[in-house]
């Protein structure tokens, strides 16, 4: 345990210390954040079709690029020609999966950004509406007092 404390604090086993860093206590050494009170953390229903469409688009795009590169490399590159069929299929499927994951993540991020922008716009609209209602109430109250 003493060796671990020396390693954490930056001290060498001989005792010369290059920099000081306190050894973490049990409360400050938490890696995970404290549990939240939010119980419903499921994704909205709209996310799955958006991610699936993004995955299909990315898989098709990267698959087409991979197929074109396969057709171009087969007659010209002797190293590629020497690969087994299984490895060539693995390369093609890897490209399709990579493209699918990239595009699915992109579409989900775009959807999340859209939802955030919409929520901000609704909040601004609600604030403006509430301010307008306050002004109308104030004007009505001043008119009643003036009568």
C-alpha atoms as a PDB file:
ATOM      1  CA  UNK A   1       0.000   0.000   0.000  1.00  0.00           C
ATOM      2  CA  UNK A   2       2.863   2.343   0.772  1.00  0.00           C
ATOM      3  CA  UNK A   3       4.345   1.700  -2.692  1.00  0.00           C
ATOM      4  CA  UNK A   4       0.991   2.558  -4.306  1.00  0.00           C
ATOM      5  CA  UNK A   5       0.837   5.800  -2.342  1.00  0.00           C
ATOM      6  CA  UNK A   6       4.378   6.651  -3.444  1.00  0.00           C
ATOM      7  CA  UNK A   7       3.563   5.896  -7.069  1.00  0.00           C
ATOM      8  CA  UNK A   8       0.408   8.018  -6.924  1.00  0.00           C
ATOM      9  CA  UNK A   9       2.156  10.962  -5.308  1.00  0.00           C
ATOM     10  CA  UNK A  10       4.991  10.815  -7.798  1.00  0.00           C
ATOM     11  CA  UNK A  11       7.620   9.837  -5.244  1.00  0.00           C
ATOM     12  CA  UNK A  12      10.264   7.365  -6.141  1.00  0.00           C
ATOM     13  CA  UNK A  13      10.798   4.430  -3.787  1.00  0.00           C
ATOM     14  CA  UNK A  14      13.994   6.115  -2.591  1.00  0.00           C
ATOM     15  CA  UNK A  15      12.095   9.092  -1.251  1.00  0.00           C
ATOM     16  CA  UNK A  16      12.848  11.918  -3.713  1.00  0.00           C
ATOM     17  CA  UNK A  17       9.580  13.437  -4.833  1.00  0.00           C
ATOM     18  CA  UNK A  18       9.286  15.072  -8.260  1.00  0.00           C
ATOM     19  CA  UNK A  19       5.857  16.631  -7.690  1.00  0.00           C
ATOM     20  CA  UNK A  20       3.311  16.401  -4.945  1.00  0.00           C
ATOM     21  CA  UNK A  21      -0.136  14.983  -5.498  1.00  0.00           C
ATOM     22  CA  UNK A  22      -2.186  13.859  -2.528  1.00  0.00           C
ATOM     23  CA  UNK A  23      -3.249  10.261  -2.457  1.00  0.00           C
ATOM     24  CA  UNK A  24      -6.995  10.130  -3.107  1.00  0.00           C
ATOM     25  CA  UNK A  25      -9.249   9.309  -0.213  1.00  0.00           C
ATOM     26  CA  UNK A  26     -12.115   6.899  -0.647  1.00  0.00           C
ATOM     27  CA  UNK A  27     -14.569   9.767  -1.247  1.00  0.00           C
ATOM     28  CA  UNK A  28     -12.462  11.617  -3.821  1.00  0.00           C
ATOM     29  CA  UNK A  29     -11.527   8.517  -5.778  1.00  0.00           C
ATOM     30  CA  UNK A  30     -14.961   7.994  -7.327  1.00  0.00           C
ATOM     31  CA  UNK A  31     -14.870   7.246 -11.022  1.00  0.00           C
ATOM     32  CA  UNK A  32     -18.630   7.040 -11.533  1.00  0.00           C
ATOM     33  CA  UNK A  33     -20.886  10.007 -10.853  1.00  0.00           C
ATOM     34  CA  UNK A  34     -23.410   9.701  -8.059  1.00  0.00           C
ATOM     35  CA  UNK A  35     -26.653   7.951  -8.983  1.00  0.00           C
ATOM     36  CA  UNK A  36     -29.347  10.167 -10.360  1.00  0.00           C
ATOM     37  CA  UNK A  37     -33.015  10.288  -9.529  1.00  0.00           C
ATOM     38  CA  UNK A  38     -33.931   9.941 -13.200  1.00  0.00           C
ATOM     39  CA  UNK A  39     -35.558   6.562 -13.686  1.00  0.00           C
ATOM     40  CA  UNK A  40     -36.820   6.775 -17.266  1.00  0.00           C
ATOM     41  CA  UNK A  41     -33.655   6.942 -19.357  1.00  0.00           C
ATOM     42  CA  UNK A  42     -34.965   5.089 -22.399  1.00  0.00           C
ATOM     43  CA  UNK A  43     -34.382   6.696 -25.787  1.00  0.00           C
ATOM     44  CA  UNK A  44     -37.374   8.278 -27.521  1.00  0.00           C
ATOM     45  CA  UNK A  45     -39.233   6.117 -30.025  1.00  0.00           C
ATOM     46  CA  UNK A  46     -38.193   8.382 -32.917  1.00  0.00           C
ATOM     47  CA  UNK A  47     -34.497   7.579 -32.476  1.00  0.00           C
ATOM     48  CA  UNK A  48     -34.581   3.963 -33.675  1.00  0.00           C
ATOM     49  CA  UNK A  49     -35.917   4.594 -37.205  1.00  0.00           C
ATOM     50  CA  UNK A  50     -33.608   7.592 -37.596  1.00  0.00           C
ATOM     51  CA  UNK A  51     -30.596   5.522 -36.547  1.00  0.00           C
ATOM     52  CA  UNK A  52     -31.693   2.624 -38.785  1.00  0.00           C
ATOM     53  CA  UNK A  53     -32.038   4.922 -41.815  1.00  0.00           C
ATOM     54  CA  UNK A  54     -28.630   6.438 -41.051  1.00  0.00           C
ATOM     55  CA  UNK A  55     -27.097   2.981 -40.688  1.00  0.00           C
ATOM     56  CA  UNK A  56     -28.602   1.838 -43.996  1.00  0.00           C
ATOM     57  CA  UNK A  57     -27.418   4.962 -45.799  1.00  0.00           C
ATOM     58  CA  UNK A  58     -23.905   4.730 -44.371  1.00  0.00           C
ATOM     59  CA  UNK A  59     -23.681   1.000 -44.981  1.00  0.00           C
ATOM     60  CA  UNK A  60     -24.762   1.430 -48.586  1.00  0.00           C
ATOM     61  CA  UNK A  61     -22.385   4.350 -49.173  1.00  0.00           C
ATOM     62  CA  UNK A  62     -19.341   2.735 -47.604  1.00  0.00           C
ATOM     63  CA  UNK A  63     -20.275  -0.639 -49.126  1.00  0.00           C
ATOM     64  CA  UNK A  64     -20.398   0.906 -52.593  1.00  0.00           C
ATOM     65  CA  UNK A  65     -17.013   2.565 -52.074  1.00  0.00           C
ATOM     66  CA  UNK A  66     -15.606  -0.699 -50.757  1.00  0.00           C
ATOM     67  CA  UNK A  67     -17.003  -2.643 -53.715  1.00  0.00           C
ATOM     68  CA  UNK A  68     -15.531  -0.164 -56.194  1.00  0.00           C
ATOM     69  CA  UNK A  69     -12.146  -0.377 -54.465  1.00  0.00           C
ATOM     70  CA  UNK A  70     -12.403  -4.188 -54.507  1.00  0.00           C
ATOM     71  CA  UNK A  71     -13.113  -4.174 -58.240  1.00  0.00           C
ATOM     72  CA  UNK A  72     -10.219  -1.775 -58.831  1.00  0.00           C
ATOM     73  CA  UNK A  73      -7.722  -3.663 -56.640  1.00  0.00           C
ATOM     74  CA  UNK A  74      -8.454  -7.186 -57.805  1.00  0.00           C
ATOM     75  CA  UNK A  75      -6.831  -6.938 -61.264  1.00  0.00           C
ATOM     76  CA  UNK A  76      -4.116  -4.438 -60.318  1.00  0.00           C
ATOM     77  CA  UNK A  77      -2.777  -5.312 -56.861  1.00  0.00           C
ATOM     78  CA  UNK A  78      -1.152  -8.711 -56.454  1.00  0.00           C
ATOM     79  CA  UNK A  79      -1.141  -8.470 -52.636  1.00  0.00           C
ATOM     80  CA  UNK A  80      -4.927  -7.946 -52.627  1.00  0.00           C
ATOM     81  CA  UNK A  81      -5.355 -10.788 -55.115  1.00  0.00           C
ATOM     82  CA  UNK A  82      -3.426 -13.068 -52.754  1.00  0.00           C
ATOM     83  CA  UNK A  83      -5.832 -12.523 -49.854  1.00  0.00           C
ATOM     84  CA  UNK A  84      -8.306 -15.254 -49.034  1.00  0.00           C
ATOM     85  CA  UNK A  85     -11.951 -14.847 -49.945  1.00  0.00           C
ATOM     86  CA  UNK A  86     -12.909 -14.879 -46.279  1.00  0.00           C
ATOM     87  CA  UNK A  87     -10.574 -11.965 -45.534  1.00  0.00           C
ATOM     88  CA  UNK A  88     -11.891  -9.995 -48.516  1.00  0.00           C
ATOM     89  CA  UNK A  89     -15.440 -10.536 -47.256  1.00  0.00           C
ATOM     90  CA  UNK A  90     -14.302  -9.431 -43.800  1.00  0.00           C
ATOM     91  CA  UNK A  91     -12.857  -6.227 -45.292  1.00  0.00           C
ATOM     92  CA  UNK A  92     -16.096  -5.523 -47.187  1.00  0.00           C
ATOM     93  CA  UNK A  93     -18.308  -6.161 -44.151  1.00  0.00           C
ATOM     94  CA  UNK A  94     -16.041  -4.062 -41.946  1.00  0.00           C
ATOM     95  CA  UNK A  95     -16.399  -1.131 -44.327  1.00  0.00           C
ATOM     96  CA  UNK A  96     -20.179  -1.546 -44.369  1.00  0.00           C
ATOM     97  CA  UNK A  97     -20.356  -1.688 -40.558  1.00  0.00           C
ATOM     98  CA  UNK A  98     -18.049   1.303 -40.149  1.00  0.00           C
ATOM     99  CA  UNK A  99     -20.097   3.391 -42.565  1.00  0.00           C
ATOM    100  CA  UNK A 100     -23.324   2.323 -40.914  1.00  0.00           C
ATOM    101  CA  UNK A 101     -22.112   3.241 -37.442  1.00  0.00           C
ATOM    102  CA  UNK A 102     -20.724   6.607 -38.567  1.00  0.00           C
ATOM    103  CA  UNK A 103     -23.896   7.622 -40.386  1.00  0.00           C
ATOM    104  CA  UNK A 104     -26.217   6.316 -37.649  1.00  0.00           C
ATOM    105  CA  UNK A 105     -24.321   8.362 -35.052  1.00  0.00           C
ATOM    106  CA  UNK A 106     -24.434  11.392 -37.336  1.00  0.00           C
ATOM    107  CA  UNK A 107     -28.202  11.113 -37.821  1.00  0.00           C
ATOM    108  CA  UNK A 108     -28.871  10.622 -34.103  1.00  0.00           C
ATOM    109  CA  UNK A 109     -26.676  13.628 -33.258  1.00  0.00           C
ATOM    110  CA  UNK A 110     -28.526  15.736 -35.827  1.00  0.00           C
ATOM    111  CA  UNK A 111     -31.849  14.640 -34.330  1.00  0.00           C
ATOM    112  CA  UNK A 112     -30.680  15.490 -30.806  1.00  0.00           C
ATOM    113  CA  UNK A 113     -29.474  18.909 -31.972  1.00  0.00           C
ATOM    114  CA  UNK A 114     -32.833  19.500 -33.667  1.00  0.00           C
ATOM    115  CA  UNK A 115     -34.705  18.585 -30.477  1.00  0.00           C
ATOM    116  CA  UNK A 116     -32.491  20.912 -28.412  1.00  0.00           C
ATOM    117  CA  UNK A 117     -33.028  23.796 -30.865  1.00  0.00           C
ATOM    118  CA  UNK A 118     -36.779  23.187 -30.843  1.00  0.00           C
ATOM    119  CA  UNK A 119     -36.905  23.095 -27.041  1.00  0.00           C
ATOM    120  CA  UNK A 120     -34.883  26.316 -26.806  1.00  0.00           C
ATOM    121  CA  UNK A 121     -37.226  27.993 -29.299  1.00  0.00           C
ATOM    122  CA  UNK A 122     -40.247  26.838 -27.288  1.00  0.00           C
ATOM    123  CA  UNK A 123     -38.694  28.174 -24.080  1.00  0.00           C
ATOM    124  CA  UNK A 124     -38.012  31.548 -25.734  1.00  0.00           C
ATOM    125  CA  UNK A 125     -41.559  31.611 -27.060  1.00  0.00           C
ATOM    126  CA  UNK A 126     -42.994  30.788 -23.626  1.00  0.00           C
ATOM    127  CA  UNK A 127     -40.876  33.506 -21.997  1.00  0.00           C
ATOM    128  CA  UNK A 128     -42.036  36.064 -24.572  1.00  0.00           C
ATOM    129  CA  UNK A 129     -45.659  34.981 -24.103  1.00  0.00           C
ATOM    130  CA  UNK A 130     -45.381  35.238 -20.302  1.00  0.00           C
ATOM    131  CA  UNK A 131     -43.788  38.700 -20.564  1.00  0.00           C
ATOM    132  CA  UNK A 132     -46.571  39.810 -22.894  1.00  0.00           C
ATOM    133  CA  UNK A 133     -49.201  38.500 -20.468  1.00  0.00           C
ATOM    134  CA  UNK A 134     -47.523  40.342 -17.565  1.00  0.00           C
ATOM    135  CA  UNK A 135     -47.528  43.576 -19.538  1.00  0.00           C
ATOM    136  CA  UNK A 136     -51.205  43.150 -20.436  1.00  0.00           C
ATOM    137  CA  UNK A 137     -52.112  42.472 -16.794  1.00  0.00           C
ATOM    138  CA  UNK A 138     -50.149  45.540 -15.695  1.00  0.00           C
ATOM    139  CA  UNK A 139     -51.874  47.713 -18.282  1.00  0.00           C
ATOM    140  CA  UNK A 140     -55.282  46.338 -17.277  1.00  0.00           C
ATOM    141  CA  UNK A 141     -54.501  46.973 -13.595  1.00  0.00           C
ATOM    142  CA  UNK A 142     -53.392  50.546 -14.342  1.00  0.00           C
ATOM    143  CA  UNK A 143     -56.555  51.178 -16.348  1.00  0.00           C
ATOM    144  CA  UNK A 144     -58.737  49.902 -13.481  1.00  0.00           C
ATOM    145  CA  UNK A 145     -56.911  52.134 -11.014  1.00  0.00           C
ATOM    146  CA  UNK A 146     -57.257  55.117 -13.377  1.00  0.00           C
ATOM    147  CA  UNK A 147     -61.048  54.737 -13.678  1.00  0.00           C
END
